[in-house]
N, C-alpha and C. Protein backbone atom coordinates (compact mmCIF):
# COMPACT_ATOMS: atom_id res chain seq x y z
N MET A 1 -13.98 -21.84 27.78
CA MET A 1 -13.74 -22.28 26.42
C MET A 1 -13.77 -21.11 25.43
N ILE A 2 -14.70 -20.17 25.65
CA ILE A 2 -14.80 -19.01 24.77
C ILE A 2 -13.55 -18.15 24.89
N ASP A 3 -13.02 -18.01 26.11
CA ASP A 3 -11.80 -17.23 26.30
C ASP A 3 -10.63 -17.85 25.57
N LEU A 4 -10.55 -19.18 25.60
CA LEU A 4 -9.46 -19.87 24.89
C LEU A 4 -9.57 -19.65 23.38
N ALA A 5 -10.78 -19.77 22.84
CA ALA A 5 -10.97 -19.56 21.40
C ALA A 5 -10.63 -18.11 21.02
N ARG A 6 -11.05 -17.15 21.87
CA ARG A 6 -10.74 -15.75 21.59
C ARG A 6 -9.23 -15.52 21.62
N GLU A 7 -8.55 -16.12 22.56
CA GLU A 7 -7.09 -15.95 22.64
C GLU A 7 -6.38 -16.60 21.45
N VAL A 8 -6.88 -17.73 21.01
CA VAL A 8 -6.28 -18.39 19.84
C VAL A 8 -6.48 -17.52 18.59
N ILE A 9 -7.68 -16.98 18.42
CA ILE A 9 -7.95 -16.13 17.27
C ILE A 9 -7.10 -14.87 17.33
N ALA A 10 -7.03 -14.26 18.51
CA ALA A 10 -6.21 -13.05 18.66
C ALA A 10 -4.74 -13.36 18.37
N SER A 11 -4.26 -14.49 18.86
CA SER A 11 -2.86 -14.87 18.62
C SER A 11 -2.59 -15.09 17.14
N LEU A 12 -3.52 -15.75 16.46
CA LEU A 12 -3.34 -15.98 15.02
C LEU A 12 -3.33 -14.66 14.25
N LEU A 13 -4.24 -13.76 14.59
CA LEU A 13 -4.27 -12.46 13.92
C LEU A 13 -2.97 -11.69 14.17
N LEU A 14 -2.49 -11.70 15.41
CA LEU A 14 -1.24 -11.01 15.72
C LEU A 14 -0.06 -11.64 14.99
N PHE A 15 -0.01 -12.96 14.95
CA PHE A 15 1.09 -13.65 14.29
C PHE A 15 1.10 -13.38 12.79
N ILE A 16 -0.06 -13.51 12.16
CA ILE A 16 -0.14 -13.27 10.71
C ILE A 16 0.16 -11.81 10.40
N GLY A 17 -0.36 -10.90 11.22
CA GLY A 17 -0.07 -9.48 11.03
C GLY A 17 1.41 -9.17 11.15
N ALA A 18 2.06 -9.75 12.16
CA ALA A 18 3.50 -9.54 12.33
C ALA A 18 4.28 -10.14 11.17
N ALA A 19 3.86 -11.31 10.68
CA ALA A 19 4.54 -11.94 9.55
C ALA A 19 4.41 -11.08 8.29
N LEU A 20 3.25 -10.50 8.07
CA LEU A 20 3.07 -9.63 6.90
C LEU A 20 3.90 -8.36 7.02
N MET A 21 3.98 -7.81 8.22
CA MET A 21 4.81 -6.61 8.39
C MET A 21 6.29 -6.94 8.22
N LEU A 22 6.70 -8.13 8.66
CA LEU A 22 8.08 -8.57 8.41
C LEU A 22 8.32 -8.73 6.91
N LEU A 23 7.36 -9.28 6.20
CA LEU A 23 7.46 -9.42 4.75
C LEU A 23 7.56 -8.05 4.08
N ALA A 24 6.80 -7.08 4.57
CA ALA A 24 6.88 -5.72 4.03
C ALA A 24 8.26 -5.13 4.27
N ALA A 25 8.83 -5.37 5.45
CA ALA A 25 10.16 -4.84 5.75
C ALA A 25 11.22 -5.49 4.87
N VAL A 26 11.11 -6.78 4.66
CA VAL A 26 12.06 -7.47 3.77
C VAL A 26 11.92 -6.95 2.34
N GLY A 27 10.68 -6.73 1.91
CA GLY A 27 10.45 -6.18 0.58
C GLY A 27 11.04 -4.79 0.43
N ALA A 28 10.93 -3.97 1.46
CA ALA A 28 11.49 -2.62 1.41
C ALA A 28 13.00 -2.65 1.29
N ILE A 29 13.62 -3.67 1.84
CA ILE A 29 15.09 -3.77 1.79
C ILE A 29 15.56 -4.44 0.50
N ARG A 30 14.87 -5.48 0.08
CA ARG A 30 15.38 -6.34 -1.00
C ARG A 30 14.90 -5.98 -2.41
N LEU A 31 13.78 -5.33 -2.56
CA LEU A 31 13.28 -5.07 -3.90
C LEU A 31 14.08 -3.96 -4.59
N PRO A 32 14.11 -3.97 -5.93
CA PRO A 32 15.09 -3.16 -6.65
C PRO A 32 14.80 -1.67 -6.84
N ASP A 33 13.55 -1.24 -6.84
CA ASP A 33 13.31 0.18 -7.11
C ASP A 33 12.18 0.71 -6.24
N LEU A 34 11.98 2.01 -6.34
CA LEU A 34 11.00 2.70 -5.49
C LEU A 34 9.60 2.12 -5.63
N LEU A 35 9.16 1.89 -6.84
CA LEU A 35 7.77 1.47 -7.05
C LEU A 35 7.51 0.06 -6.52
N THR A 36 8.44 -0.86 -6.72
CA THR A 36 8.23 -2.21 -6.20
C THR A 36 8.35 -2.23 -4.68
N ARG A 37 9.22 -1.42 -4.12
CA ARG A 37 9.32 -1.33 -2.66
C ARG A 37 8.03 -0.77 -2.07
N MET A 38 7.50 0.26 -2.72
CA MET A 38 6.25 0.83 -2.22
C MET A 38 5.10 -0.15 -2.32
N HIS A 39 5.09 -0.95 -3.36
CA HIS A 39 4.04 -1.95 -3.52
C HIS A 39 4.08 -2.92 -2.35
N ALA A 40 5.26 -3.41 -2.02
CA ALA A 40 5.39 -4.37 -0.92
C ALA A 40 5.00 -3.74 0.42
N THR A 41 5.51 -2.56 0.68
CA THR A 41 5.24 -1.95 1.98
C THR A 41 3.79 -1.51 2.11
N THR A 42 3.19 -1.04 1.05
CA THR A 42 1.80 -0.59 1.14
C THR A 42 0.85 -1.76 1.32
N LYS A 43 0.98 -2.76 0.49
CA LYS A 43 0.04 -3.89 0.56
C LYS A 43 0.24 -4.71 1.82
N ALA A 44 1.44 -5.25 2.00
CA ALA A 44 1.69 -6.13 3.14
C ALA A 44 1.70 -5.35 4.45
N GLY A 45 2.23 -4.14 4.43
CA GLY A 45 2.27 -3.35 5.66
C GLY A 45 0.90 -2.95 6.14
N ALA A 46 0.04 -2.50 5.24
CA ALA A 46 -1.31 -2.10 5.63
C ALA A 46 -2.12 -3.29 6.13
N LEU A 47 -2.04 -4.42 5.43
CA LEU A 47 -2.78 -5.60 5.87
C LEU A 47 -2.21 -6.13 7.18
N GLY A 48 -0.88 -6.11 7.32
CA GLY A 48 -0.27 -6.57 8.57
C GLY A 48 -0.68 -5.71 9.75
N ALA A 49 -0.68 -4.40 9.57
CA ALA A 49 -1.10 -3.50 10.64
C ALA A 49 -2.57 -3.71 10.97
N ALA A 50 -3.39 -3.89 9.95
CA ALA A 50 -4.82 -4.11 10.19
C ALA A 50 -5.06 -5.40 10.97
N LEU A 51 -4.36 -6.47 10.61
CA LEU A 51 -4.53 -7.73 11.33
C LEU A 51 -4.02 -7.62 12.76
N THR A 52 -2.94 -6.90 12.97
CA THR A 52 -2.43 -6.71 14.33
C THR A 52 -3.43 -5.93 15.18
N ILE A 53 -4.00 -4.88 14.62
CA ILE A 53 -5.00 -4.10 15.34
C ILE A 53 -6.25 -4.93 15.59
N ALA A 54 -6.65 -5.73 14.61
CA ALA A 54 -7.81 -6.61 14.79
C ALA A 54 -7.53 -7.64 15.88
N GLY A 55 -6.31 -8.14 15.95
CA GLY A 55 -5.94 -9.08 17.03
C GLY A 55 -6.05 -8.43 18.40
N ALA A 56 -5.64 -7.19 18.51
CA ALA A 56 -5.78 -6.47 19.78
C ALA A 56 -7.26 -6.27 20.12
N ALA A 57 -8.07 -5.96 19.12
CA ALA A 57 -9.51 -5.78 19.37
C ALA A 57 -10.15 -7.08 19.83
N VAL A 58 -9.77 -8.20 19.23
CA VAL A 58 -10.31 -9.50 19.65
C VAL A 58 -9.84 -9.83 21.06
N HIS A 59 -8.60 -9.54 21.36
CA HIS A 59 -8.07 -9.83 22.70
C HIS A 59 -8.82 -9.08 23.79
N PHE A 60 -9.05 -7.78 23.59
CA PHE A 60 -9.70 -6.99 24.63
C PHE A 60 -11.21 -7.18 24.66
N ALA A 61 -11.82 -7.54 23.54
CA ALA A 61 -13.26 -7.85 23.45
C ALA A 61 -14.12 -6.78 24.12
N ASP A 62 -13.78 -5.54 23.88
CA ASP A 62 -14.53 -4.42 24.44
C ASP A 62 -15.10 -3.61 23.27
N PRO A 63 -16.36 -3.24 23.32
CA PRO A 63 -16.95 -2.49 22.20
C PRO A 63 -16.21 -1.19 21.89
N GLY A 64 -15.73 -0.49 22.90
CA GLY A 64 -14.99 0.75 22.67
C GLY A 64 -13.68 0.51 21.94
N VAL A 65 -12.96 -0.52 22.37
CA VAL A 65 -11.70 -0.87 21.71
C VAL A 65 -11.95 -1.34 20.28
N THR A 66 -13.00 -2.13 20.10
CA THR A 66 -13.33 -2.64 18.77
C THR A 66 -13.71 -1.50 17.82
N ALA A 67 -14.47 -0.54 18.31
CA ALA A 67 -14.86 0.60 17.48
C ALA A 67 -13.63 1.42 17.09
N ARG A 68 -12.74 1.67 18.04
CA ARG A 68 -11.52 2.42 17.72
C ARG A 68 -10.64 1.63 16.75
N ALA A 69 -10.54 0.33 16.96
CA ALA A 69 -9.74 -0.50 16.06
C ALA A 69 -10.30 -0.47 14.64
N ALA A 70 -11.61 -0.54 14.52
CA ALA A 70 -12.23 -0.47 13.19
C ALA A 70 -11.97 0.88 12.53
N ALA A 71 -12.01 1.95 13.32
CA ALA A 71 -11.74 3.27 12.76
C ALA A 71 -10.29 3.39 12.30
N VAL A 72 -9.36 2.85 13.07
CA VAL A 72 -7.95 2.91 12.69
C VAL A 72 -7.70 2.07 11.44
N ILE A 73 -8.31 0.89 11.38
CA ILE A 73 -8.14 0.04 10.20
C ILE A 73 -8.70 0.74 8.96
N ALA A 74 -9.87 1.35 9.08
CA ALA A 74 -10.45 2.08 7.94
C ALA A 74 -9.53 3.22 7.53
N PHE A 75 -8.98 3.93 8.49
CA PHE A 75 -8.07 5.04 8.20
C PHE A 75 -6.83 4.54 7.44
N ILE A 76 -6.27 3.42 7.89
CA ILE A 76 -5.09 2.85 7.22
C ILE A 76 -5.43 2.46 5.78
N PHE A 77 -6.56 1.78 5.59
CA PHE A 77 -6.93 1.34 4.24
C PHE A 77 -7.30 2.50 3.32
N LEU A 78 -7.74 3.61 3.89
CA LEU A 78 -8.06 4.77 3.06
C LEU A 78 -6.82 5.61 2.73
N THR A 79 -5.88 5.69 3.64
CA THR A 79 -4.75 6.60 3.43
C THR A 79 -3.51 5.94 2.84
N ALA A 80 -3.25 4.69 3.13
CA ALA A 80 -2.02 4.04 2.65
C ALA A 80 -1.93 4.02 1.11
N PRO A 81 -2.98 3.61 0.40
CA PRO A 81 -2.86 3.62 -1.07
C PRO A 81 -2.68 5.02 -1.66
N VAL A 82 -3.37 6.00 -1.08
CA VAL A 82 -3.25 7.36 -1.59
C VAL A 82 -1.84 7.90 -1.35
N ALA A 83 -1.31 7.66 -0.15
CA ALA A 83 0.05 8.11 0.16
C ALA A 83 1.06 7.43 -0.75
N ALA A 84 0.91 6.13 -0.96
CA ALA A 84 1.84 5.42 -1.84
C ALA A 84 1.77 5.94 -3.27
N HIS A 85 0.56 6.23 -3.74
CA HIS A 85 0.41 6.78 -5.09
C HIS A 85 1.12 8.13 -5.21
N LEU A 86 0.92 8.99 -4.22
CA LEU A 86 1.55 10.31 -4.28
C LEU A 86 3.07 10.23 -4.18
N ILE A 87 3.58 9.35 -3.35
CA ILE A 87 5.03 9.18 -3.24
C ILE A 87 5.59 8.61 -4.53
N GLY A 88 4.91 7.63 -5.11
CA GLY A 88 5.36 7.05 -6.38
C GLY A 88 5.33 8.06 -7.50
N ARG A 89 4.29 8.86 -7.54
CA ARG A 89 4.18 9.89 -8.57
C ARG A 89 5.28 10.93 -8.41
N ALA A 90 5.54 11.35 -7.18
CA ALA A 90 6.62 12.33 -6.93
C ALA A 90 7.97 11.73 -7.31
N GLY A 91 8.19 10.46 -6.98
CA GLY A 91 9.44 9.81 -7.36
C GLY A 91 9.62 9.74 -8.86
N TYR A 92 8.53 9.43 -9.56
CA TYR A 92 8.58 9.36 -11.03
C TYR A 92 8.89 10.74 -11.61
N PHE A 93 8.25 11.77 -11.07
CA PHE A 93 8.44 13.12 -11.59
C PHE A 93 9.84 13.65 -11.37
N VAL A 94 10.47 13.30 -10.25
CA VAL A 94 11.83 13.81 -10.00
C VAL A 94 12.88 12.94 -10.68
N GLY A 95 12.46 11.87 -11.31
CA GLY A 95 13.41 11.08 -12.10
C GLY A 95 14.05 9.91 -11.39
N VAL A 96 13.42 9.40 -10.35
CA VAL A 96 13.95 8.20 -9.70
C VAL A 96 13.92 7.08 -10.73
N PRO A 97 15.06 6.44 -10.98
CA PRO A 97 15.10 5.45 -12.06
C PRO A 97 14.28 4.21 -11.75
N LEU A 98 13.65 3.67 -12.79
CA LEU A 98 12.94 2.41 -12.67
C LEU A 98 13.95 1.28 -12.71
N TRP A 99 13.56 0.14 -12.24
CA TRP A 99 14.39 -1.05 -12.28
C TRP A 99 14.67 -1.41 -13.73
N LYS A 100 15.89 -1.88 -14.01
CA LYS A 100 16.25 -2.19 -15.39
C LYS A 100 15.42 -3.33 -15.98
N GLY A 101 14.80 -4.13 -15.13
CA GLY A 101 13.94 -5.22 -15.60
C GLY A 101 12.50 -4.80 -15.83
N THR A 102 12.20 -3.51 -15.66
CA THR A 102 10.84 -3.02 -15.89
C THR A 102 10.53 -3.14 -17.38
N ILE A 103 9.46 -3.82 -17.69
CA ILE A 103 9.11 -4.09 -19.08
C ILE A 103 8.25 -2.98 -19.67
N LYS A 104 7.34 -2.46 -18.89
CA LYS A 104 6.36 -1.53 -19.43
C LYS A 104 6.29 -0.28 -18.55
N ASP A 105 6.32 0.88 -19.18
CA ASP A 105 6.17 2.15 -18.49
C ASP A 105 4.99 2.87 -19.13
N GLU A 106 3.79 2.66 -18.61
CA GLU A 106 2.58 3.21 -19.21
C GLU A 106 2.45 4.71 -19.02
N LEU A 107 3.20 5.28 -18.09
CA LEU A 107 3.10 6.71 -17.82
C LEU A 107 3.97 7.53 -18.77
N LYS A 108 5.00 6.93 -19.33
CA LYS A 108 5.97 7.67 -20.14
C LYS A 108 5.36 8.45 -21.30
N PRO A 109 4.45 7.89 -22.09
CA PRO A 109 3.91 8.67 -23.21
C PRO A 109 3.01 9.83 -22.77
N HIS A 110 2.56 9.83 -21.52
CA HIS A 110 1.66 10.87 -21.04
C HIS A 110 2.38 11.92 -20.21
N TYR A 111 3.67 11.73 -19.94
CA TYR A 111 4.41 12.60 -19.04
C TYR A 111 5.28 13.57 -19.83
N ASP A 112 5.17 14.85 -19.52
CA ASP A 112 6.00 15.88 -20.13
C ASP A 112 7.07 16.26 -19.11
N ALA A 113 8.30 15.82 -19.34
CA ALA A 113 9.39 16.06 -18.39
C ALA A 113 9.77 17.52 -18.30
N GLY A 114 9.46 18.29 -19.33
CA GLY A 114 9.82 19.71 -19.32
C GLY A 114 9.09 20.50 -18.25
N ASN A 115 7.80 20.29 -18.14
CA ASN A 115 7.04 21.04 -17.13
C ASN A 115 6.42 20.13 -16.07
N HIS A 116 6.84 18.89 -16.02
CA HIS A 116 6.38 17.91 -15.01
C HIS A 116 4.85 17.83 -14.95
N SER A 117 4.24 17.67 -16.10
CA SER A 117 2.79 17.55 -16.13
C SER A 117 2.40 16.27 -16.86
N LEU A 118 1.19 15.85 -16.59
CA LEU A 118 0.64 14.67 -17.25
C LEU A 118 -0.48 15.09 -18.19
N ARG A 119 -0.50 14.44 -19.33
CA ARG A 119 -1.61 14.62 -20.26
C ARG A 119 -2.55 13.45 -20.03
N SER A 120 -3.83 13.73 -20.00
CA SER A 120 -4.80 12.67 -19.72
C SER A 120 -5.01 11.75 -20.92
N GLY A 121 -4.66 12.21 -22.08
CA GLY A 121 -4.91 11.42 -23.27
C GLY A 121 -6.28 11.71 -23.87
N LEU A 122 -7.05 12.57 -23.20
CA LEU A 122 -8.39 12.90 -23.69
C LEU A 122 -8.41 14.17 -24.51
N GLU A 123 -7.39 15.00 -24.36
CA GLU A 123 -7.38 16.25 -25.11
C GLU A 123 -6.82 16.04 -26.50
N GLU A 124 -7.32 16.76 -27.42
CA GLU A 124 -6.95 16.82 -28.82
C GLU A 124 -6.09 15.67 -29.33
N ARG A 125 -6.74 14.62 -29.68
CA ARG A 125 -6.06 13.52 -30.35
C ARG A 125 -6.22 13.69 -31.84
N PRO A 126 -5.19 13.36 -32.60
CA PRO A 126 -5.37 13.42 -34.05
C PRO A 126 -6.37 12.34 -34.48
N SER A 127 -7.22 12.69 -35.41
CA SER A 127 -8.21 11.73 -35.87
C SER A 127 -7.56 10.76 -36.83
N ASP A 128 -8.26 9.69 -37.11
CA ASP A 128 -7.75 8.68 -38.04
C ASP A 128 -7.78 9.18 -39.48
N ASP A 129 -8.55 10.24 -39.74
CA ASP A 129 -8.66 10.77 -41.09
C ASP A 129 -7.42 11.54 -41.51
N GLU A 130 -6.67 12.03 -40.53
CA GLU A 130 -5.49 12.87 -40.85
C GLU A 130 -4.31 12.05 -41.25
């Protein structure tokens, strides 16, 4: 009975993980610009991969496999958002156009296109007295 429950849980994790990765692939194809595509692939792709790896760990039910699976999942969750941020920032800096339906660009007032630098907004602000 325990083996059946473990197999059902592993199957559900694998199925949901595969469905999320399929959703990430569809998002990468169908969404209109770099930033929305990256959002779909980073969120759904990372969670889908983590669930797939967790399903494999449940299936094998071995402490060594489970420890490696946990390490891989932690690595994915630590690196995927950072990589997506850096790719998005590089795309913004080289001028990849935003989707025409983008309502708000919070980075634009802080970005100097001449030297490709960002101002933090903390340096020398004019005071209200001026």
